[in-house]
C-alpha atoms as a PDB file:
ATOM      1  CA  MET A   1    -127.260 -27.704 136.112  1.00  0.00           C
ATOM      2  CA  ILE A   2    -125.213 -29.291 133.364  1.00  0.00           C
ATOM      3  CA  ILE A   3    -123.092 -26.111 133.185  1.00  0.00           C
ATOM      4  CA  VAL A   4    -122.195 -26.483 136.876  1.00  0.00           C
ATOM      5  CA  PHE A   5    -121.139 -30.117 136.507  1.00  0.00           C
ATOM      6  CA  GLY A   6    -119.314 -29.390 133.256  1.00  0.00           C
ATOM      7  CA  SER A   7    -117.422 -26.504 134.871  1.00  0.00           C
ATOM      8  CA  LEU A   8    -116.542 -28.680 137.862  1.00  0.00           C
ATOM      9  CA  LEU A   9    -115.287 -31.465 135.605  1.00  0.00           C
ATOM     10  CA  ILE A  10    -113.203 -29.094 133.476  1.00  0.00           C
ATOM     11  CA  GLY A  11    -111.825 -27.446 136.641  1.00  0.00           C
ATOM     12  CA  LEU A  12    -110.790 -30.820 138.056  1.00  0.00           C
ATOM     13  CA  ILE A  13    -109.094 -31.807 134.797  1.00  0.00           C
ATOM     14  CA  VAL A  14    -107.277 -28.465 134.437  1.00  0.00           C
ATOM     15  CA  GLY A  15    -106.270 -28.547 138.118  1.00  0.00           C
ATOM     16  CA  PHE A  16    -104.932 -32.092 137.838  1.00  0.00           C
ATOM     17  CA  LEU A  17    -103.007 -31.313 134.652  1.00  0.00           C
ATOM     18  CA  GLY A  18    -101.719 -28.022 136.101  1.00  0.00           C
ATOM     19  CA  GLN A  19    -100.439 -29.780 139.198  1.00  0.00           C
ATOM     20  CA  ARG A  20     -98.783 -32.618 137.296  1.00  0.00           C
ATOM     21  CA  SER A  21     -97.248 -30.526 134.514  1.00  0.00           C
ATOM     22  CA  ARG A  22     -95.991 -27.515 136.517  1.00  0.00           C
ATOM     23  CA  MET A  23     -97.658 -25.387 133.838  1.00  0.00           C
ATOM     24  CA  CYS A  24     -96.859 -21.679 134.105  1.00  0.00           C
ATOM     25  CA  PHE A  25     -97.154 -19.188 131.248  1.00  0.00           C
ATOM     26  CA  ILE A  26     -95.325 -16.310 132.912  1.00  0.00           C
ATOM     27  CA  GLY A  27     -92.653 -18.555 134.422  1.00  0.00           C
ATOM     28  CA  GLY A  28     -91.976 -20.174 131.060  1.00  0.00           C
ATOM     29  CA  ILE A  29     -91.451 -16.888 129.270  1.00  0.00           C
ATOM     30  CA  ARG A  30     -89.532 -15.399 132.225  1.00  0.00           C
ATOM     31  CA  ASP A  31     -87.166 -18.362 132.531  1.00  0.00           C
ATOM     32  CA  PHE A  32     -86.516 -18.409 128.793  1.00  0.00           C
ATOM     33  CA  LEU A  33     -85.738 -14.691 128.632  1.00  0.00           C
ATOM     34  CA  MET A  34     -83.619 -14.598 131.789  1.00  0.00           C
ATOM     35  CA  ILE A  35     -81.650 -17.847 131.771  1.00  0.00           C
ATOM     36  CA  ARG A  36     -82.622 -19.520 128.473  1.00  0.00           C
ATOM     37  CA  ASP A  37     -84.327 -22.394 130.304  1.00  0.00           C
ATOM     38  CA  LYS A  38     -86.836 -24.049 127.953  1.00  0.00           C
ATOM     39  CA  GLU A  39     -88.434 -26.485 130.402  1.00  0.00           C
ATOM     40  CA  LEU A  40     -91.519 -24.407 131.314  1.00  0.00           C
ATOM     41  CA  LEU A  41     -91.675 -22.881 127.821  1.00  0.00           C
ATOM     42  CA  LYS A  42     -92.533 -26.326 126.405  1.00  0.00           C
ATOM     43  CA  GLY A  43     -95.808 -26.225 128.336  1.00  0.00           C
ATOM     44  CA  VAL A  44     -96.685 -22.800 126.954  1.00  0.00           C
ATOM     45  CA  ILE A  45     -96.000 -23.917 123.393  1.00  0.00           C
ATOM     46  CA  SER A  46     -97.934 -27.167 123.867  1.00  0.00           C
ATOM     47  CA  PHE A  47    -100.910 -25.211 125.240  1.00  0.00           C
ATOM     48  CA  PHE A  48    -101.119 -23.012 122.148  1.00  0.00           C
ATOM     49  CA  VAL A  49    -100.634 -25.963 119.785  1.00  0.00           C
ATOM     50  CA  SER A  50    -103.353 -27.922 121.621  1.00  0.00           C
ATOM     51  CA  ALA A  51    -105.729 -24.939 121.515  1.00  0.00           C
ATOM     52  CA  TRP A  52    -105.069 -24.470 117.804  1.00  0.00           C
ATOM     53  CA  ILE A  53    -105.727 -28.155 117.036  1.00  0.00           C
ATOM     54  CA  THR A  54    -108.869 -28.166 119.204  1.00  0.00           C
ATOM     55  CA  ILE A  55    -110.316 -25.117 117.460  1.00  0.00           C
ATOM     56  CA  LYS A  56    -109.542 -26.610 114.045  1.00  0.00           C
ATOM     57  CA  LEU A  57    -111.262 -29.870 115.021  1.00  0.00           C
ATOM     58  CA  LEU A  58    -114.303 -28.036 116.402  1.00  0.00           C
ATOM     59  CA  ARG A  59    -114.585 -26.034 113.172  1.00  0.00           C
ATOM     60  CA  LEU A  60    -114.265 -29.238 111.170  1.00  0.00           C
ATOM     61  CA  ILE A  61    -117.205 -30.879 112.946  1.00  0.00           C
ATOM     62  CA  GLY A  62    -119.203 -27.628 112.951  1.00  0.00           C
ATOM     63  CA  VAL A  63    -119.283 -26.888 116.667  1.00  0.00           C
ATOM     64  CA  ILE A  64    -116.948 -23.940 117.048  1.00  0.00           C
ATOM     65  CA  PHE A  65    -118.393 -22.077 120.017  1.00  0.00           C
ATOM     66  CA  PRO A  66    -121.753 -22.647 121.712  1.00  0.00           C
ATOM     67  CA  GLU A  67    -124.236 -19.800 122.007  1.00  0.00           C
ATOM     68  CA  LEU A  68    -123.886 -18.474 125.542  1.00  0.00           C
ATOM     69  CA  SER A  69    -126.246 -15.494 125.338  1.00  0.00           C
ATOM     70  CA  TYR A  70    -128.574 -17.101 127.872  1.00  0.00           C
ATOM     71  CA  ALA A  71    -125.764 -17.420 130.443  1.00  0.00           C
ATOM     72  CA  THR A  72    -123.946 -14.092 130.094  1.00  0.00           C
ATOM     73  CA  ASN A  73    -124.624 -10.467 129.309  1.00  0.00           C
ATOM     74  CA  VAL A  74    -121.353  -9.877 127.442  1.00  0.00           C
ATOM     75  CA  LYS A  75    -121.877  -7.990 124.210  1.00  0.00           C
ATOM     76  CA  TYR A  76    -119.688  -8.393 121.146  1.00  0.00           C
ATOM     77  CA  VAL A  77    -118.309  -5.124 119.797  1.00  0.00           C
ATOM     78  CA  SER A  78    -116.547  -4.885 116.452  1.00  0.00           C
ATOM     79  CA  TYR A  79    -114.012  -2.073 116.040  1.00  0.00           C
ATOM     80  CA  PRO A  80    -112.956  -0.906 112.565  1.00  0.00           C
ATOM     81  CA  SER A  81    -109.262  -0.674 113.492  1.00  0.00           C
ATOM     82  CA  LEU A  82    -106.840  -1.959 116.092  1.00  0.00           C
ATOM     83  CA  PHE A  83    -106.104   1.578 117.301  1.00  0.00           C
ATOM     84  CA  LEU A  84    -109.785   2.245 118.037  1.00  0.00           C
ATOM     85  CA  ALA A  85    -110.055  -1.066 119.884  1.00  0.00           C
ATOM     86  CA  LEU A  86    -107.012  -0.338 122.043  1.00  0.00           C
ATOM     87  CA  SER A  87    -108.020   3.246 122.740  1.00  0.00           C
ATOM     88  CA  SER A  88    -111.570   2.343 123.772  1.00  0.00           C
ATOM     89  CA  LYS A  89    -112.442   2.226 127.475  1.00  0.00           C
ATOM     90  CA  PHE A  90    -112.477  -1.571 127.420  1.00  0.00           C
ATOM     91  CA  GLY A  91    -109.182  -1.783 125.541  1.00  0.00           C
ATOM     92  CA  LEU A  92    -107.577   0.607 127.988  1.00  0.00           C
ATOM     93  CA  THR A  93    -108.862  -1.209 131.068  1.00  0.00           C
ATOM     94  CA  SER A  94    -107.788  -4.542 129.598  1.00  0.00           C
ATOM     95  CA  PHE A  95    -104.314  -3.179 128.908  1.00  0.00           C
ATOM     96  CA  ILE A  96    -103.958  -1.746 132.421  1.00  0.00           C
ATOM     97  CA  GLY A  97    -105.275  -4.931 134.031  1.00  0.00           C
ATOM     98  CA  GLY A  98    -103.067  -7.172 131.898  1.00  0.00           C
ATOM     99  CA  LEU A  99    -100.005  -5.067 132.612  1.00  0.00           C
ATOM    100  CA  GLY A 100    -100.670  -5.201 136.358  1.00  0.00           C
ATOM    101  CA  LEU A 101    -101.353  -8.940 136.302  1.00  0.00           C
ATOM    102  CA  GLY A 102     -98.203  -9.643 134.311  1.00  0.00           C
ATOM    103  CA  LEU A 103     -96.008  -7.442 136.484  1.00  0.00           C
ATOM    104  CA  PHE A 104     -97.234  -8.723 139.838  1.00  0.00           C
ATOM    105  CA  SER A 105     -97.349 -12.353 138.708  1.00  0.00           C
ATOM    106  CA  THR A 106     -93.775 -12.125 137.467  1.00  0.00           C
ATOM    107  CA  LEU A 107     -92.685 -10.624 140.777  1.00  0.00           C
ATOM    108  CA  ALA A 108     -94.554 -13.379 142.650  1.00  0.00           C
ATOM    109  CA  GLY A 109     -92.816 -16.076 140.641  1.00  0.00           C
ATOM    110  CA  GLY A 110     -95.637 -17.527 138.571  1.00  0.00           C
ATOM    111  CA  CYS A 111     -98.928 -17.059 136.800  1.00  0.00           C
ATOM    112  CA  PRO A 112    -102.317 -17.332 138.546  1.00  0.00           C
ATOM    113  CA  LEU A 113    -102.750 -20.952 137.394  1.00  0.00           C
ATOM    114  CA  ARG A 114     -99.499 -21.944 139.075  1.00  0.00           C
ATOM    115  CA  GLN A 115    -100.347 -19.895 142.174  1.00  0.00           C
ATOM    116  CA  HIS A 116    -103.698 -21.719 142.471  1.00  0.00           C
ATOM    117  CA  VAL A 117    -101.949 -25.085 142.195  1.00  0.00           C
ATOM    118  CA  MET A 118     -99.317 -24.138 144.788  1.00  0.00           C
ATOM    119  CA  ALA A 119    -102.004 -22.769 147.140  1.00  0.00           C
ATOM    120  CA  GLY A 120    -103.847 -26.081 146.794  1.00  0.00           C
ATOM    121  CA  GLN A 121    -100.627 -27.828 147.796  1.00  0.00           C
ATOM    122  CA  GLY A 122    -100.508 -25.721 150.979  1.00  0.00           C
ATOM    123  CA  ARG A 123     -98.022 -22.984 150.120  1.00  0.00           C
ATOM    124  CA  ILE A 124     -98.861 -19.956 152.284  1.00  0.00           C
ATOM    125  CA  SER A 125     -97.155 -17.407 149.996  1.00  0.00           C
ATOM    126  CA  SER A 126     -99.366 -18.507 147.099  1.00  0.00           C
ATOM    127  CA  THR A 127    -102.464 -18.186 149.264  1.00  0.00           C
ATOM    128  CA  VAL A 128    -101.447 -14.633 150.184  1.00  0.00           C
ATOM    129  CA  TYR A 129    -100.866 -13.914 146.480  1.00  0.00           C
ATOM    130  CA  LEU A 130    -104.360 -15.186 145.627  1.00  0.00           C
ATOM    131  CA  ILE A 131    -105.965 -13.078 148.360  1.00  0.00           C
ATOM    132  CA  GLY A 132    -104.293 -10.025 146.827  1.00  0.00           C
ATOM    133  CA  PHE A 133    -105.212 -11.255 143.341  1.00  0.00           C
ATOM    134  CA  TYR A 134    -108.921 -11.452 144.095  1.00  0.00           C
ATOM    135  CA  PHE A 135    -108.864  -8.246 146.116  1.00  0.00           C
ATOM    136  CA  GLY A 136    -107.189  -6.555 143.131  1.00  0.00           C
ATOM    137  CA  ILE A 137    -109.925  -7.812 140.810  1.00  0.00           C
ATOM    138  CA  VAL A 138    -112.570  -6.237 143.030  1.00  0.00           C
ATOM    139  CA  ILE A 139    -110.672  -2.938 143.228  1.00  0.00           C
ATOM    140  CA  TYR A 140    -110.102  -2.993 139.468  1.00  0.00           C
ATOM    141  CA  TYR A 141    -113.769  -3.417 138.640  1.00  0.00           C
ATOM    142  CA  ILE A 142    -115.146  -1.121 141.305  1.00  0.00           C
ATOM    143  CA  PHE A 143    -112.822   1.827 140.848  1.00  0.00           C
ATOM    144  CA  LEU A 144    -110.954   1.687 137.544  1.00  0.00           C
ATOM    145  CA  ILE A 145    -113.838   0.742 135.305  1.00  0.00           C
ATOM    146  CA  ASP A 146    -116.140   3.190 137.095  1.00  0.00           C
ATOM    147  CA  ILE A 147    -113.628   6.000 136.537  1.00  0.00           C
ATOM    148  CA  LEU A 148    -113.146   5.137 132.881  1.00  0.00           C
ATOM    149  CA  VAL A 149    -116.882   4.922 132.249  1.00  0.00           C
ATOM    150  CA  LYS A 150    -117.298   8.428 133.689  1.00  0.00           C
ATOM    151  CA  ILE A 151    -114.465   9.752 131.487  1.00  0.00           C
ATOM    152  CA  THR A 152    -115.913   8.445 128.230  1.00  0.00           C
END
């Protein structure tokens, strides 16, 4: 039960900060590359700096990552080289999914975090994007992963 309340609290905090900061990873990189606008890029840089400091502090106090084996069935796989990791079925599906997410999010004008915030503010185009986003996740897992598992 504590996981549910913790997730709700973190979601409320991230949602509040996302709405107030106009945080958008794809928009920040896109705007910088296209028109050299650094406004949204500051949020991307501050996110990575904050994550780096948080991980360093958690390592310092000895609580890096909690053991989540009771809550998930994800298995850790160690690959001997980067090429083997990228050419594995999971590396390939991650690459295809990431490429699709990046392409369609750039065309839609923002990353999924920003689309969730704008949908919460009542923007219909963001709601349509999110419907396609979640539908795409289902299609991705049902068809693409099933095909790649049969190949390998």
